[in-house]
Protein backbone atom coordinates (compact mmCIF):
# COMPACT_ATOMS: atom_id res chain seq x y z
CA MET A 1 38.97 -32.10 7.66
CA GLN A 2 36.94 -34.22 5.24
CA ASN A 3 33.50 -33.17 4.15
CA GLN A 4 30.85 -35.26 5.82
CA VAL A 5 28.64 -37.18 3.48
CA LEU A 6 25.03 -37.19 4.57
CA THR A 7 22.93 -40.36 4.15
CA GLU A 8 19.62 -40.20 2.25
CA ASP A 9 17.71 -40.32 5.48
CA GLU A 10 19.78 -37.55 7.01
CA MET A 11 19.27 -35.42 3.92
CA LYS A 12 15.51 -35.95 4.18
CA THR A 13 15.65 -34.89 7.72
CA GLN A 14 17.91 -31.90 7.21
CA TYR A 15 15.88 -30.48 4.24
CA ASP A 16 12.38 -31.49 5.19
CA PRO A 17 10.26 -28.33 4.40
CA ASN A 18 8.21 -28.75 7.59
CA LEU A 19 11.23 -29.11 9.76
CA MET A 20 12.93 -26.12 8.02
CA GLU A 21 9.89 -24.00 8.61
CA ASP A 22 9.66 -25.05 12.33
CA ARG A 23 13.36 -24.08 12.76
CA ALA A 24 12.79 -20.70 11.11
CA ILE A 25 9.75 -19.98 13.23
CA ALA A 26 11.55 -21.07 16.37
CA ALA A 27 14.25 -18.48 15.62
CA ILE A 28 11.84 -15.61 15.29
CA ASP A 29 12.09 -14.59 18.93
CA ASN A 30 15.79 -14.03 18.59
CA VAL A 31 15.64 -11.94 15.38
CA PRO A 32 14.25 -8.44 15.34
CA LEU A 33 12.53 -7.13 12.22
CA SER A 34 14.76 -5.76 9.55
CA ALA A 35 14.53 -2.29 8.01
CA ALA A 36 12.90 -3.94 4.89
CA GLU A 37 10.36 -5.84 6.97
CA LEU A 38 9.59 -2.80 9.06
CA GLY A 39 9.02 -0.58 5.99
CA SER A 40 6.87 -3.29 4.26
CA LEU A 41 4.63 -3.88 7.31
CA TRP A 42 4.09 -0.08 7.76
CA ASN A 43 3.13 0.41 4.14
CA THR A 44 0.93 -2.74 4.30
CA TYR A 45 -0.98 -1.54 7.38
CA MET A 46 -1.44 1.96 5.73
CA GLN A 47 -2.57 0.67 2.37
CA TYR A 48 -4.93 -2.05 3.65
CA SER A 49 -6.50 0.22 6.24
CA LEU A 50 -7.24 2.63 3.40
CA PHE A 51 -8.84 -0.20 1.27
CA VAL A 52 -10.90 -1.16 4.27
CA CYS A 53 -12.49 2.27 4.31
CA VAL A 54 -13.00 2.26 0.56
CA PHE A 55 -14.57 -1.20 0.46
CA LYS A 56 -16.83 -0.41 3.46
CA HIS A 57 -18.52 2.25 1.42
CA PHE A 58 -18.54 0.15 -1.79
CA HIS A 59 -20.17 -2.69 0.14
CA LYS A 60 -22.86 -0.35 1.60
CA THR A 61 -23.70 0.99 -1.84
CA THR A 62 -23.33 -2.04 -4.07
CA GLU A 63 -26.63 -2.82 -5.86
CA ASP A 64 -25.68 -5.64 -8.19
CA PHE A 65 -26.21 -9.00 -6.33
CA GLU A 66 -23.33 -10.62 -8.34
CA ILE A 67 -20.82 -7.86 -7.53
CA ARG A 68 -21.72 -7.55 -3.80
CA PRO A 69 -19.94 -10.94 -2.82
CA LEU A 70 -16.70 -9.81 -4.45
CA VAL A 71 -16.79 -6.46 -2.64
CA GLU A 72 -17.52 -8.32 0.59
CA ASP A 73 -14.59 -10.66 -0.05
CA ALA A 74 -12.23 -7.63 -0.73
CA LEU A 75 -13.39 -6.05 2.57
CA GLN A 76 -12.87 -9.21 4.56
CA ILE A 77 -9.35 -9.77 3.07
CA CYS A 78 -8.25 -6.24 3.72
CA SER A 79 -9.64 -6.18 7.36
CA LEU A 80 -7.73 -9.46 8.01
CA ARG A 81 -4.52 -8.08 6.57
CA VAL A 82 -4.71 -4.92 8.80
CA LYS A 83 -5.17 -7.18 11.87
CA GLN A 84 -2.27 -9.55 10.90
CA ALA A 85 0.19 -6.69 10.22
CA SER A 86 -0.86 -5.13 13.50
CA ASP A 87 -0.30 -8.36 15.40
CA ILE A 88 3.25 -8.74 14.10
CA LEU A 89 4.10 -5.18 15.00
CA GLN A 90 2.54 -5.56 18.45
CA ARG A 91 4.52 -8.61 19.20
CA GLU A 92 7.65 -6.60 18.56
CA GLY A 93 6.56 -3.83 20.81
CA LEU A 94 6.38 -1.32 17.99
CA PRO A 95 3.92 1.56 17.66
CA ILE A 96 0.97 0.83 15.42
CA PRO A 97 0.39 3.28 12.57
CA LYS A 98 -2.69 5.40 12.79
CA GLY A 99 -3.62 4.45 9.28
CA PHE A 100 -7.24 5.05 8.28
CA LYS A 101 -10.17 4.42 10.62
CA ASP A 102 -14.01 4.76 10.60
CA GLU A 103 -13.75 8.55 10.77
CA ASP A 104 -12.26 8.53 7.29
CA VAL A 105 -15.34 7.07 5.70
CA ASP A 106 -18.95 8.19 5.79
CA LEU A 107 -21.20 5.17 5.23
CA LYS A 108 -24.28 7.51 4.98
CA ALA A 109 -22.84 9.29 1.97
CA PRO A 110 -24.64 8.36 -1.30
CA LYS A 111 -23.19 6.06 -3.95
CA LEU A 112 -20.40 7.82 -5.81
CA PHE A 113 -19.31 5.21 -8.34
CA SER A 114 -21.12 2.76 -10.54
CA ASP A 115 -21.13 -1.00 -9.66
CA PRO A 116 -19.00 -1.89 -12.74
CA TYR A 117 -16.43 0.59 -11.51
CA TYR A 118 -16.18 -1.35 -8.34
CA LEU A 119 -14.93 -4.35 -10.28
CA TYR A 120 -12.31 -2.25 -12.13
CA TYR A 121 -11.21 -0.80 -8.80
CA ILE A 122 -10.84 -4.23 -7.30
CA ILE A 123 -8.69 -5.31 -10.32
CA ASN A 124 -6.50 -2.25 -9.98
CA ALA A 125 -6.19 -2.60 -6.24
CA ASN A 126 -5.15 -6.23 -6.56
CA LYS A 127 -2.50 -5.36 -9.18
CA ILE A 128 -1.04 -2.92 -6.71
CA ALA A 129 -1.20 -5.29 -3.88
CA LEU A 130 0.41 -8.20 -5.89
CA ALA A 131 3.32 -5.89 -6.94
CA ILE A 132 3.92 -4.56 -3.45
CA ASN A 133 3.41 -7.80 -1.63
CA SER A 134 5.68 -9.79 -4.00
CA LEU A 135 8.46 -7.27 -3.29
CA SER A 136 7.80 -7.44 0.49
CA LEU A 137 8.03 -11.24 0.32
CA VAL A 138 11.42 -11.36 -1.45
CA THR A 139 12.97 -8.68 0.77
CA SER A 140 11.82 -10.41 4.01
CA GLY A 141 13.91 -12.97 5.97
CA ARG A 142 11.70 -13.90 8.88
CA ALA A 143 9.42 -16.87 8.41
CA ASP A 144 6.34 -15.26 9.96
CA VAL A 145 6.75 -12.16 7.70
CA ARG A 146 7.25 -14.27 4.63
CA ASP A 147 4.30 -16.42 5.49
CA PHE A 148 2.16 -13.32 6.00
CA TYR A 149 3.04 -12.03 2.53
CA GLU A 150 2.55 -15.44 0.87
CA HIS A 151 -1.03 -15.46 2.10
CA CYS A 152 -1.50 -11.84 0.97
CA ILE A 153 -0.35 -12.79 -2.55
CA ASN A 154 -2.53 -15.95 -2.61
CA SER A 155 -5.70 -14.05 -1.49
CA SER A 156 -5.08 -11.25 -4.05
CA MET A 157 -4.63 -13.77 -6.82
CA HIS A 158 -7.83 -15.53 -5.77
CA LEU A 159 -9.84 -12.32 -5.65
CA TYR A 160 -8.29 -11.04 -8.95
CA ASN A 161 -9.28 -14.27 -10.79
CA ASN A 162 -12.83 -14.16 -9.43
CA THR A 163 -13.17 -10.60 -10.47
CA VAL A 164 -11.90 -11.16 -13.96
CA ASN A 165 -14.28 -14.14 -14.28
CA LEU A 166 -17.21 -11.90 -13.28
CA LEU A 167 -16.17 -9.14 -15.73
CA LEU A 168 -15.96 -11.76 -18.49
CA SER A 169 -19.46 -13.17 -17.60
CA LYS A 170 -21.02 -9.65 -17.66
CA GLY A 171 -19.17 -8.70 -20.92
CA LEU A 172 -17.30 -5.88 -19.10
CA TYR A 173 -13.82 -7.18 -19.35
CA ILE A 174 -11.63 -4.86 -21.31
CA ARG A 175 -9.34 -7.08 -23.47
CA PRO A 176 -5.92 -6.01 -24.66
CA PRO A 177 -5.69 -5.70 -28.36
CA ILE A 178 -5.57 -8.84 -30.54
CA VAL A 179 -2.87 -8.53 -33.21
CA THR A 180 -1.38 -10.73 -36.03
CA ILE A 181 2.26 -11.66 -35.33
CA ALA A 182 4.93 -12.58 -37.73
CA LYS A 183 5.36 -16.29 -38.59
CA GLY A 184 8.29 -18.20 -37.23
CA ALA A 185 10.99 -17.53 -34.68
CA ASP A 186 14.08 -15.47 -35.58
CA TYR A 187 16.90 -13.28 -34.28
CA VAL A 188 17.16 -9.57 -34.54
CA LYS A 189 19.59 -8.68 -37.35
CA ARG A 190 19.66 -4.86 -37.43
CA GLN A 191 20.36 -2.18 -34.87
CA ASP A 192 17.27 -0.22 -35.94
CA PHE A 193 15.33 -2.66 -33.75
CA LEU A 194 15.96 -0.13 -31.02
CA SER A 195 15.28 3.03 -33.12
CA GLY A 196 12.28 5.05 -32.37
CA PHE A 197 13.14 8.72 -33.19
CA LEU A 198 14.87 8.83 -36.58
CA GLY A 199 14.33 6.73 -39.62
CA GLU A 200 11.89 3.99 -40.07
CA LYS A 201 10.43 2.58 -36.87
CA ARG A 202 9.88 -1.20 -36.54
CA SER A 203 6.39 -2.37 -35.64
CA LEU A 204 5.46 -2.68 -31.95
CA LEU A 205 6.24 -5.86 -30.12
CA ALA A 206 3.31 -7.70 -28.41
CA GLN A 207 4.81 -6.81 -25.03
CA GLU A 208 5.08 -3.15 -25.99
CA ILE A 209 1.41 -3.11 -27.04
CA SER A 210 0.48 -4.67 -23.70
CA ASN A 211 2.44 -2.08 -21.80
CA LEU A 212 0.78 0.80 -23.68
CA PHE A 213 -2.71 -0.77 -23.29
CA TYR A 214 -2.40 -1.22 -19.57
CA SER A 215 -0.84 2.24 -19.08
CA ILE A 216 -4.09 3.61 -20.78
CA THR A 217 -6.36 1.36 -18.75
CA THR A 218 -4.93 2.10 -15.31
CA ASN A 219 -4.89 5.80 -16.03
CA ASN A 220 -8.64 5.66 -16.97
CA ILE A 221 -9.44 3.84 -13.73
CA GLY A 222 -7.36 6.31 -11.72
CA LYS A 223 -8.89 9.32 -13.50
CA ARG A 224 -12.43 8.22 -12.52
CA LEU A 225 -11.28 7.84 -8.92
CA LEU A 226 -9.96 11.39 -8.94
CA MET A 227 -13.09 12.71 -10.63
CA GLY A 228 -15.15 11.35 -7.70
CA PHE A 229 -12.79 12.85 -5.18
CA GLN A 230 -12.85 16.26 -7.08
CA GLN A 231 -16.59 16.58 -7.09
CA THR A 232 -17.10 15.64 -3.41
CA THR A 233 -14.27 17.40 -1.56
CA ALA A 234 -15.07 20.68 0.25
CA SER A 235 -11.37 21.72 0.20
CA GLU A 236 -10.36 23.96 -2.64
CA GLN A 237 -6.76 22.80 -2.20
CA VAL A 238 -7.72 19.22 -2.57
CA ARG A 239 -10.07 19.94 -5.42
CA ASN A 240 -7.40 21.75 -7.36
CA TYR A 241 -4.93 18.85 -6.78
CA MET A 242 -7.55 16.31 -8.08
CA SER A 243 -8.09 18.59 -11.10
CA ARG A 244 -4.30 18.54 -11.85
CA GLY A 245 -4.37 14.77 -11.51
CA ILE A 246 -7.22 14.46 -13.95
CA SER A 247 -5.37 16.67 -16.55
CA LEU A 248 -2.29 14.67 -16.10
CA ALA A 249 -4.11 11.37 -16.70
CA ASP A 250 -5.66 12.84 -19.84
CA GLU A 251 -2.22 13.94 -21.01
CA LEU A 252 -0.66 10.51 -20.33
CA ILE A 253 -3.65 8.68 -22.00
CA ASP A 254 -3.36 10.80 -25.21
CA ALA A 255 0.38 10.19 -25.31
CA PHE A 256 0.16 6.45 -25.03
CA ARG A 257 -3.00 6.29 -27.29
CA SER A 258 -1.31 8.25 -30.08
CA ILE A 259 1.49 5.64 -30.31
CA MET A 260 -1.01 2.83 -30.70
CA LEU A 261 -3.16 4.61 -33.16
CA HIS A 262 -0.07 5.46 -35.33
CA GLU A 263 0.57 1.73 -35.36
CA ASP A 264 -3.13 1.06 -36.33
CA VAL A 265 -3.78 -0.71 -32.99
CA SER A 266 -7.24 -0.39 -31.60
CA VAL A 267 -7.51 1.18 -28.21
CA ALA A 268 -11.32 1.61 -27.96
CA ALA A 269 -12.84 1.21 -24.49
CA HIS A 270 -16.10 2.47 -22.84
CA TRP A 271 -15.24 4.47 -19.81
CA ASP A 272 -18.40 6.74 -19.49
CA ASP A 273 -20.98 6.68 -16.73
CA MET A 274 -18.55 5.45 -13.94
CA VAL A 275 -18.98 8.46 -11.61
CA ASN A 276 -22.35 9.43 -10.27
CA GLU A 277 -23.52 12.98 -9.56
CA SER A 278 -23.31 12.90 -5.72
CA THR A 279 -21.37 15.81 -4.16
CA VAL A 280 -21.36 14.38 -0.67
CA PRO A 281 -17.88 13.11 0.32
CA PRO A 282 -17.72 9.49 1.37
CA PHE A 283 -14.00 9.73 2.30
CA SER A 284 -11.97 12.24 4.26
CA ASN A 285 -9.60 14.65 2.52
CA ARG A 286 -6.68 12.90 4.08
CA LEU A 287 -7.77 9.52 2.65
CA MET A 288 -8.40 11.02 -0.77
CA MET A 289 -4.95 12.60 -0.88
CA TYR A 290 -3.17 9.54 0.32
CA HIS A 291 -5.10 7.35 -2.20
CA SER A 292 -4.04 9.71 -5.02
CA ILE A 293 -0.42 9.40 -4.03
CA LEU A 294 -0.72 5.64 -3.71
CA ILE A 295 -2.00 4.95 -7.21
CA SER A 296 0.44 7.46 -8.66
CA SER A 297 3.39 5.75 -6.97
CA ALA A 298 2.09 2.43 -8.33
CA SER A 299 2.05 4.09 -11.86
CA ILE A 300 5.70 5.04 -11.60
CA SER A 301 6.64 1.47 -10.79
CA SER A 302 4.69 0.07 -13.75
CA TYR A 303 6.32 2.57 -16.03
CA VAL A 304 9.80 1.48 -14.91
CA THR A 305 8.81 -2.11 -15.70
CA ALA A 306 7.27 -1.20 -19.05
CA SER A 307 10.50 0.68 -19.95
CA ILE A 308 12.55 -2.37 -19.34
CA TYR A 309 10.37 -4.40 -21.63
CA SER A 310 10.04 -1.78 -24.38
CA PRO A 311 13.34 -1.64 -26.37
CA ARG A 312 12.23 1.07 -28.77
CA HIS A 313 13.92 4.37 -27.80
CA ASP A 314 10.80 6.51 -28.21
CA LEU A 315 8.83 4.16 -25.87
CA ASN A 316 11.68 4.37 -23.23
CA ALA A 317 11.55 8.22 -23.53
CA ILE A 318 7.76 8.44 -23.07
CA TYR A 319 7.88 6.25 -19.98
CA THR A 320 10.70 8.31 -18.49
CA TRP A 321 8.69 11.47 -19.17
CA ALA A 322 5.59 9.99 -17.69
CA ALA A 323 7.35 8.90 -14.54
CA ALA A 324 8.88 12.37 -14.07
CA LYS A 325 5.51 14.06 -14.44
CA ILE A 326 3.95 11.84 -11.91
CA ALA A 327 6.84 12.18 -9.43
CA THR A 328 6.26 15.91 -9.46
CA PHE A 329 2.54 15.38 -8.92
CA ILE A 330 3.30 13.03 -5.95
CA GLU A 331 5.66 15.63 -4.37
CA ASN A 332 3.04 18.25 -4.62
CA GLY A 333 0.53 15.88 -3.00
CA ILE A 334 2.88 15.09 -0.06
CA ASN A 335 3.49 18.80 0.48
CA ILE A 336 -0.29 19.42 0.70
CA MET A 337 -0.59 16.59 3.14
CA ILE A 338 2.27 17.85 5.28
CA ASP A 339 0.87 21.41 5.28
CA ASN A 340 -2.49 20.06 6.53
CA GLY A 341 -0.98 17.71 9.12
CA TRP A 342 -2.31 14.67 7.27
CA TYR A 343 0.96 12.89 6.34
CA GLU A 344 1.75 10.17 8.77
CA GLU A 345 5.60 9.58 9.22
CA PRO A 346 6.76 6.06 8.41
CA TYR A 347 9.17 4.23 10.72
CA ARG A 348 12.63 5.72 10.70
CA MET A 349 15.87 4.94 12.43
CA VAL A 350 17.07 6.94 15.50
CA ASP A 351 19.08 10.03 14.50
CA ARG A 352 22.20 9.18 16.42
CA ARG A 353 23.98 12.41 15.48
CA LYS A 354 21.16 14.36 16.99
CA LEU A 355 21.39 12.30 20.18
CA GLU A 356 25.18 12.86 20.31
CA ASN A 357 24.65 16.61 20.00
CA GLN A 358 22.13 16.51 22.67
CA SER A 359 24.38 14.70 25.01
CA GLU A 360 27.16 17.12 24.37
CA THR A 361 25.03 20.18 25.18
CA ALA A 362 23.38 18.62 28.22
CA PRO A 363 24.47 20.15 31.58
CA THR A 364 26.88 17.85 33.63
CA PRO A 365 25.17 16.57 36.75
CA ARG A 366 26.64 17.81 40.04
CA GLY A 367 29.17 15.43 41.56
CA SER A 368 29.82 13.51 38.30
CA ASN A 369 33.50 14.60 38.36
């Protein structure tokens, strides 16, 4: 059988983007959500419902008239994403996650963080959202799910850019170090390009400096969040967990900072006066614990990426060490949530072995033989 050659008009019709999208959408009814799509939508609902609670309190307590519109945008975007994820799951007849509701935030609680911190929080939340939503997009097949995550990414990019612009206009944007680079392009000629433990170390690559800088920055943002949680929770168990998280953040910051200082790279940044003196909790213990686990999980992902783009052996080792420390911290947090009945179980497949065992032990109905 000879291959059929399409005419130019037929090719335009077959590969027209609008027609392709229409065909994909028409096929949705016959294609159930995949495991990847189910997992992504569950996580999306949980994370955005958490952000809704946080931004509700931020919006209630924002005093700066320039910052308020950005917080309002963040709240509207997150609220819309919760509804859209819920709509997709409802169409499939799936149970909607409990997530986080109005009972997880006290809008009467006093302001806990400074207005500038709200901007740094939005930046960090959008970095997390962009990373997770990008992965969700490329692991989804259904057109409606891909379209949903495309909109998530676009809105996060828009909010991120607006937030950076405001930080720049207020002189609050924390810039990565500016360094002098070697002139001209060349190839690596010696194996000690990878060395970091013994012998003479080469100078840091620009990408390695960037990775170290952002590792310090995200830990500083996360540390302030945990400081606020620590001073407002009434639970000794949660308070101790937040204290361990703060100590871990300090340990990681010192480790990353020492490498940069050894290379004479400036790491100065002003992080004081971000947490107010209020001891009234704006958020539930469950939300605070889940939030701590969320930002810690995002850190592990960023360290894996940093390790890939940091060829020096000592940098690989420190990112592996940091990821292992955080993994233990996350596991401890999940155990606390389970012990208190706070950890909501994600979607999981039916345990068919358990069903088989139940059918084998079930009594045989009378008259079935």
